[in-house]
Protein backbone atom coordinates (compact mmCIF):
# COMPACT_ATOMS: atom_id res chain seq x y z
CA UNK A 1 0.00 -0.01 0.00
CA UNK A 2 1.37 3.46 -0.84
CA UNK A 3 2.38 5.24 2.35
CA UNK A 4 3.07 8.90 3.15
CA UNK A 5 6.26 9.25 1.03
CA UNK A 6 4.60 7.80 -2.04
CA UNK A 7 1.52 10.04 -1.69
CA UNK A 8 3.74 13.07 -1.05
CA UNK A 9 5.83 12.23 -4.12
CA UNK A 10 2.66 12.07 -6.16
CA UNK A 11 1.40 15.33 -4.69
CA UNK A 12 4.62 17.18 -5.54
CA UNK A 13 4.51 15.97 -9.13
CA UNK A 14 0.88 16.98 -9.63
CA UNK A 15 1.36 20.32 -7.86
CA UNK A 16 3.64 21.45 -10.69
CA UNK A 17 1.10 20.84 -13.45
CA UNK A 18 -2.47 20.78 -12.15
CA UNK A 19 -3.09 24.24 -10.60
CA UNK A 20 -4.68 26.55 -13.14
CA UNK A 21 -6.04 23.75 -15.34
CA UNK A 22 -9.79 23.64 -15.97
CA UNK A 23 -11.77 20.40 -15.81
CA UNK A 24 -13.50 20.00 -19.16
CA UNK A 25 -15.13 16.59 -18.62
CA UNK A 26 -15.30 13.67 -16.18
CA UNK A 27 -15.41 10.06 -17.37
CA UNK A 28 -16.21 7.25 -14.92
CA UNK A 29 -15.55 3.76 -16.25
CA UNK A 30 -16.02 1.85 -12.98
CA UNK A 31 -17.97 2.99 -9.90
CA UNK A 32 -17.21 0.03 -7.61
CA UNK A 33 -14.35 1.33 -5.48
CA UNK A 34 -14.04 1.45 -1.67
CA UNK A 35 -16.86 3.98 -1.81
CA UNK A 36 -19.14 3.94 -4.86
CA UNK A 37 -18.04 6.68 -7.26
CA UNK A 38 -20.75 9.35 -7.47
CA UNK A 39 -20.58 10.13 -11.18
CA UNK A 40 -23.22 12.89 -11.32
CA UNK A 41 -21.75 14.60 -8.27
CA UNK A 42 -18.25 14.59 -9.78
CA UNK A 43 -19.49 16.08 -13.03
CA UNK A 44 -21.73 18.72 -11.49
CA UNK A 45 -19.05 19.94 -9.07
CA UNK A 46 -15.99 19.76 -11.30
CA UNK A 47 -16.79 20.43 -14.96
CA UNK A 48 -16.00 24.04 -15.93
CA UNK A 49 -14.03 24.76 -12.77
CA UNK A 50 -10.29 25.39 -12.31
CA UNK A 51 -7.93 23.47 -10.06
CA UNK A 52 -6.38 25.65 -7.36
CA UNK A 53 -3.95 23.43 -5.47
CA UNK A 54 -2.92 19.86 -4.62
CA UNK A 55 -2.51 18.94 -0.95
CA UNK A 56 -2.00 15.84 1.18
CA UNK A 57 -3.52 14.76 4.47
CA UNK A 58 -2.18 11.47 5.75
CA UNK A 59 -2.39 9.09 2.75
CA UNK A 60 -5.14 11.12 1.06
CA UNK A 61 -4.58 13.44 -1.89
CA UNK A 62 -6.78 16.55 -1.90
CA UNK A 63 -7.21 18.42 -5.17
CA UNK A 64 -8.71 21.82 -4.36
CA UNK A 65 -11.09 23.13 -7.01
CA UNK A 66 -13.00 26.42 -7.40
CA UNK A 67 -16.30 26.65 -5.57
CA UNK A 68 -15.30 25.22 -2.14
CA UNK A 69 -14.72 21.80 -3.70
CA UNK A 70 -12.13 19.11 -3.00
CA UNK A 71 -11.44 15.94 -4.96
CA UNK A 72 -10.46 13.29 -2.41
CA UNK A 73 -8.27 10.43 -3.66
CA UNK A 74 -6.95 7.41 -1.76
CA UNK A 75 -4.77 4.95 -3.64
CA UNK A 76 -5.80 1.91 -1.61
CA UNK A 77 -3.53 -1.09 -2.19
CA UNK A 78 -2.71 -0.66 -5.86
CA UNK A 79 -3.97 2.71 -7.05
CA UNK A 80 -2.05 5.15 -9.21
CA UNK A 81 -2.85 8.69 -10.36
CA UNK A 82 -1.18 9.69 -13.58
CA UNK A 83 -1.19 12.92 -15.57
CA UNK A 84 -0.85 11.99 -19.21
CA UNK A 85 -1.64 13.35 -22.69
CA UNK A 86 -5.23 12.68 -23.72
CA UNK A 87 -3.88 10.94 -26.82
CA UNK A 88 -2.10 8.25 -24.74
CA UNK A 89 -3.65 4.78 -24.91
CA UNK A 90 -5.99 4.08 -22.00
CA UNK A 91 -4.67 1.31 -19.75
CA UNK A 92 -6.84 -1.39 -18.24
CA UNK A 93 -8.23 -0.69 -14.75
CA UNK A 94 -8.46 3.07 -15.34
CA UNK A 95 -11.68 3.87 -13.48
CA UNK A 96 -11.93 7.69 -13.37
CA UNK A 97 -10.62 10.27 -15.85
CA UNK A 98 -10.60 14.05 -15.52
CA UNK A 99 -10.17 15.71 -18.92
CA UNK A 100 -8.33 19.05 -18.63
CA UNK A 101 -8.22 22.06 -20.93
CA UNK A 102 -4.45 21.64 -21.22
CA UNK A 103 -4.85 18.57 -23.37
CA UNK A 104 -3.87 16.32 -20.47
CA UNK A 105 -5.92 13.83 -18.52
CA UNK A 106 -5.71 12.92 -14.84
CA UNK A 107 -6.32 9.15 -14.74
CA UNK A 108 -7.05 7.09 -11.64
CA UNK A 109 -6.07 3.44 -12.11
CA UNK A 110 -6.68 0.77 -9.46
CA UNK A 111 -6.60 -2.96 -10.33
CA UNK A 112 -7.79 -4.07 -6.86
CA UNK A 113 -10.34 -1.25 -6.47
CA UNK A 114 -9.56 -0.65 -2.76
CA UNK A 115 -9.05 3.08 -3.26
CA UNK A 116 -11.53 5.91 -3.60
CA UNK A 117 -12.32 8.99 -5.64
CA UNK A 118 -14.88 11.39 -4.20
CA UNK A 119 -15.70 15.08 -4.18
CA UNK A 120 -16.53 17.00 -0.98
CA UNK A 121 -17.08 20.54 0.19
CA UNK A 122 -14.87 21.92 2.97
CA UNK A 123 -17.58 21.32 5.56
CA UNK A 124 -18.14 17.78 4.33
CA UNK A 125 -14.39 17.14 4.40
CA UNK A 126 -14.08 18.34 8.00
CA UNK A 127 -16.95 16.09 9.08
CA UNK A 128 -15.93 13.02 7.11
CA UNK A 129 -15.09 10.08 9.42
CA UNK A 130 -12.01 9.27 7.34
CA UNK A 131 -10.51 12.60 8.43
CA UNK A 132 -11.96 13.38 11.85
CA UNK A 133 -9.98 10.60 13.60
CA UNK A 134 -6.60 11.29 11.98
CA UNK A 135 -3.64 11.97 14.23
CA UNK A 136 -0.79 14.43 13.67
CA UNK A 137 1.39 14.63 10.58
CA UNK A 138 4.81 13.14 11.36
CA UNK A 139 6.71 15.77 9.35
CA UNK A 140 4.97 18.75 10.93
CA UNK A 141 6.73 21.02 13.40
CA UNK A 142 4.00 20.37 15.97
CA UNK A 143 4.55 16.58 16.20
CA UNK A 144 6.76 15.89 19.20
CA UNK A 145 8.18 12.97 21.15
CA UNK A 146 5.79 13.74 24.01
CA UNK A 147 2.86 13.01 21.66
CA UNK A 148 4.10 9.45 21.33
CA UNK A 149 4.84 9.13 25.04
CA UNK A 150 1.36 10.34 26.00
CA UNK A 151 -0.43 8.14 23.43
CA UNK A 152 1.57 5.06 24.47
CA UNK A 153 0.95 5.35 28.21
CA UNK A 154 -0.65 2.14 29.47
CA UNK A 155 -0.84 0.58 25.99
CA UNK A 156 0.10 -3.11 25.59
CA UNK A 157 -0.11 -3.11 21.81
CA UNK A 158 3.16 -3.96 19.98
CA UNK A 159 5.03 -0.80 19.09
CA UNK A 160 4.94 -1.56 15.36
CA UNK A 161 1.14 -1.72 15.36
CA UNK A 162 1.10 1.42 17.52
CA UNK A 163 3.09 3.40 14.94
CA UNK A 164 0.79 2.20 12.15
CA UNK A 165 -2.29 3.49 13.99
CA UNK A 166 -3.39 6.65 12.13
CA UNK A 167 -4.97 7.94 15.33
CA UNK A 168 -1.48 8.11 16.84
CA UNK A 169 0.41 9.44 13.81
CA UNK A 170 -0.58 9.37 10.17
CA UNK A 171 1.10 7.90 7.11
CA UNK A 172 3.46 5.41 8.80
CA UNK A 173 2.55 2.13 7.14
CA UNK A 174 4.21 -1.25 7.24
CA UNK A 175 7.37 -0.44 5.30
CA UNK A 176 8.39 2.66 7.26
CA UNK A 177 7.35 1.30 10.67
CA UNK A 178 9.80 -1.58 10.07
CA UNK A 179 12.54 0.78 8.95
CA UNK A 180 12.06 3.30 11.77
CA UNK A 181 12.11 0.68 14.52
CA UNK A 182 15.31 -0.82 13.10
CA UNK A 183 17.03 2.54 13.10
CA UNK A 184 15.79 3.25 16.62
CA UNK A 185 16.92 -0.17 17.90
CA UNK A 186 13.46 -1.18 19.14
CA UNK A 187 12.02 -4.67 18.75
CA UNK A 188 8.70 -4.52 16.85
CA UNK A 189 6.97 -6.75 19.42
CA UNK A 190 7.80 -4.57 22.40
CA UNK A 191 4.73 -3.13 24.12
CA UNK A 192 4.30 0.54 23.38
CA UNK A 193 3.60 1.29 27.04
CA UNK A 194 6.93 -0.21 28.15
CA UNK A 195 9.17 2.05 26.11
CA UNK A 196 11.09 4.76 27.97
CA UNK A 197 10.84 8.39 26.88
CA UNK A 198 14.51 8.41 25.86
CA UNK A 199 13.84 5.55 23.47
CA UNK A 200 10.71 7.25 22.15
CA UNK A 201 13.00 10.16 21.24
CA UNK A 202 14.94 7.81 19.01
CA UNK A 203 11.76 6.38 17.47
CA UNK A 204 10.42 9.88 16.82
CA UNK A 205 13.62 10.89 15.04
CA UNK A 206 13.82 7.63 13.09
CA UNK A 207 10.24 7.97 11.79
CA UNK A 208 10.98 11.44 10.45
CA UNK A 209 14.32 10.31 9.02
CA UNK A 210 12.98 7.36 7.04
CA UNK A 211 10.02 9.32 5.71
CA UNK A 212 12.15 12.26 4.57
CA UNK A 213 14.69 9.92 2.98
CA UNK A 214 11.94 8.08 1.09
CA UNK A 215 10.47 11.35 -0.17
CA UNK A 216 13.94 12.42 -1.35
CA UNK A 217 14.11 9.10 -3.21
CA UNK A 218 10.65 9.67 -4.74
CA UNK A 219 8.95 6.82 -2.87
CA UNK A 220 9.29 3.07 -2.65
CA UNK A 221 8.15 0.98 -5.60
CA UNK A 222 7.80 -2.70 -4.72
CA UNK A 223 5.14 -3.52 -7.29
CA UNK A 224 2.43 -0.97 -8.04
CA UNK A 225 3.54 2.54 -7.09
CA UNK A 226 4.37 5.09 -9.82
CA UNK A 227 4.63 8.84 -9.65
CA UNK A 228 2.40 11.20 -11.65
CA UNK A 229 4.58 10.72 -14.74
CA UNK A 230 4.49 6.93 -14.49
CA UNK A 231 8.02 6.55 -13.09
CA UNK A 232 9.02 4.10 -10.32
CA UNK A 233 10.26 5.39 -6.99
CA UNK A 234 13.91 4.81 -6.06
CA UNK A 235 13.73 4.15 -2.32
CA UNK A 236 13.63 0.34 -2.40
CA UNK A 237 17.42 0.25 -2.52
CA UNK A 238 17.58 2.28 0.71
CA UNK A 239 15.48 -0.17 2.78
CA UNK A 240 17.63 -1.76 5.50
CA UNK A 241 15.31 -4.50 6.81
CA UNK A 242 12.00 -4.52 4.94
CA UNK A 243 11.85 -7.48 2.55
CA UNK A 244 15.41 -8.53 3.44
CA UNK A 245 14.79 -11.72 5.42
CA UNK A 246 18.00 -13.78 5.63
CA UNK A 247 20.24 -10.97 4.45
CA UNK A 248 23.01 -9.66 6.69
CA UNK A 249 22.21 -6.71 8.94
CA UNK A 250 24.20 -3.69 7.82
CA UNK A 251 25.26 -3.00 11.40
CA UNK A 252 26.06 -6.35 13.00
CA UNK A 253 25.91 -8.81 10.05
CA UNK A 254 23.35 -11.05 11.77
CA UNK A 255 20.64 -12.36 9.39
CA UNK A 256 17.49 -10.25 9.23
CA UNK A 257 14.46 -12.15 10.55
CA UNK A 258 10.81 -12.05 9.63
CA UNK A 259 7.73 -12.53 11.81
CA UNK A 260 4.04 -11.77 11.34
CA UNK A 261 2.37 -9.10 13.48
CA UNK A 262 -1.25 -8.21 12.89
CA UNK A 263 -1.22 -10.15 9.66
CA UNK A 264 1.67 -8.10 8.24
CA UNK A 265 5.22 -9.23 7.50
CA UNK A 266 7.61 -7.68 9.98
CA UNK A 267 11.39 -7.57 9.55
CA UNK A 268 13.98 -6.90 12.23
CA UNK A 269 17.53 -7.64 13.38
CA UNK A 270 17.58 -9.93 16.47
CA UNK A 271 20.79 -8.34 17.77
CA UNK A 272 20.23 -4.66 17.05
CA UNK A 273 16.56 -4.74 18.12
CA UNK A 274 16.50 -6.71 21.35
């Protein structure tokens, strides 16, 4: 599933080209996504209006449009959002297309159909359950170690699952939770409530570090992720434990191990993460 760095990479690419473009038409080829696509609503709220900005909240892309309107996009497990010439051949599994006056099209493609494309007003966005429960942004200046300490107090949940809880902090999915805990020297099974504040300081710094590094590398492509131009991300080569079961740890040379936590593959070094 695309995580914060992948969505931010996509946002940055679209932010260079989308603002100022006018939506000329909306084509919906498949409505059965995580939420049913509301075709009439998309057309009535978007056609003839200009795009103002492209933002991100957690793993959601928000395309701001004239008239107090926001296109909300979540990539789900396999979604991509590509800006391409209207003359380009249409791929399979392209479900929603925004035709722009620039001669380009914004195409949402999602083979597994776990993502969503919707349009909301500002008031609707603020009241939407998908947004009202979201925690702080990990790259914001207001997110601090004490936020983690306070949220973890009394919690027995494994720290990896704790970091992946969007109510605690947003955007830290499976890949980057693995990587951050390795860099912080914390075992992924350790109970969140049993971690000292000094160690939380290391986790806090490691989360920011791995996310910023992944953004610099334009995201991690393992299978499905592509940026707005259709290019793969380059961060897979920078991963130190994720997907590296049996390989030597870069610090101590012990083999990286894999276990399953919450149904997700979890990778760690048994020596560096006691």
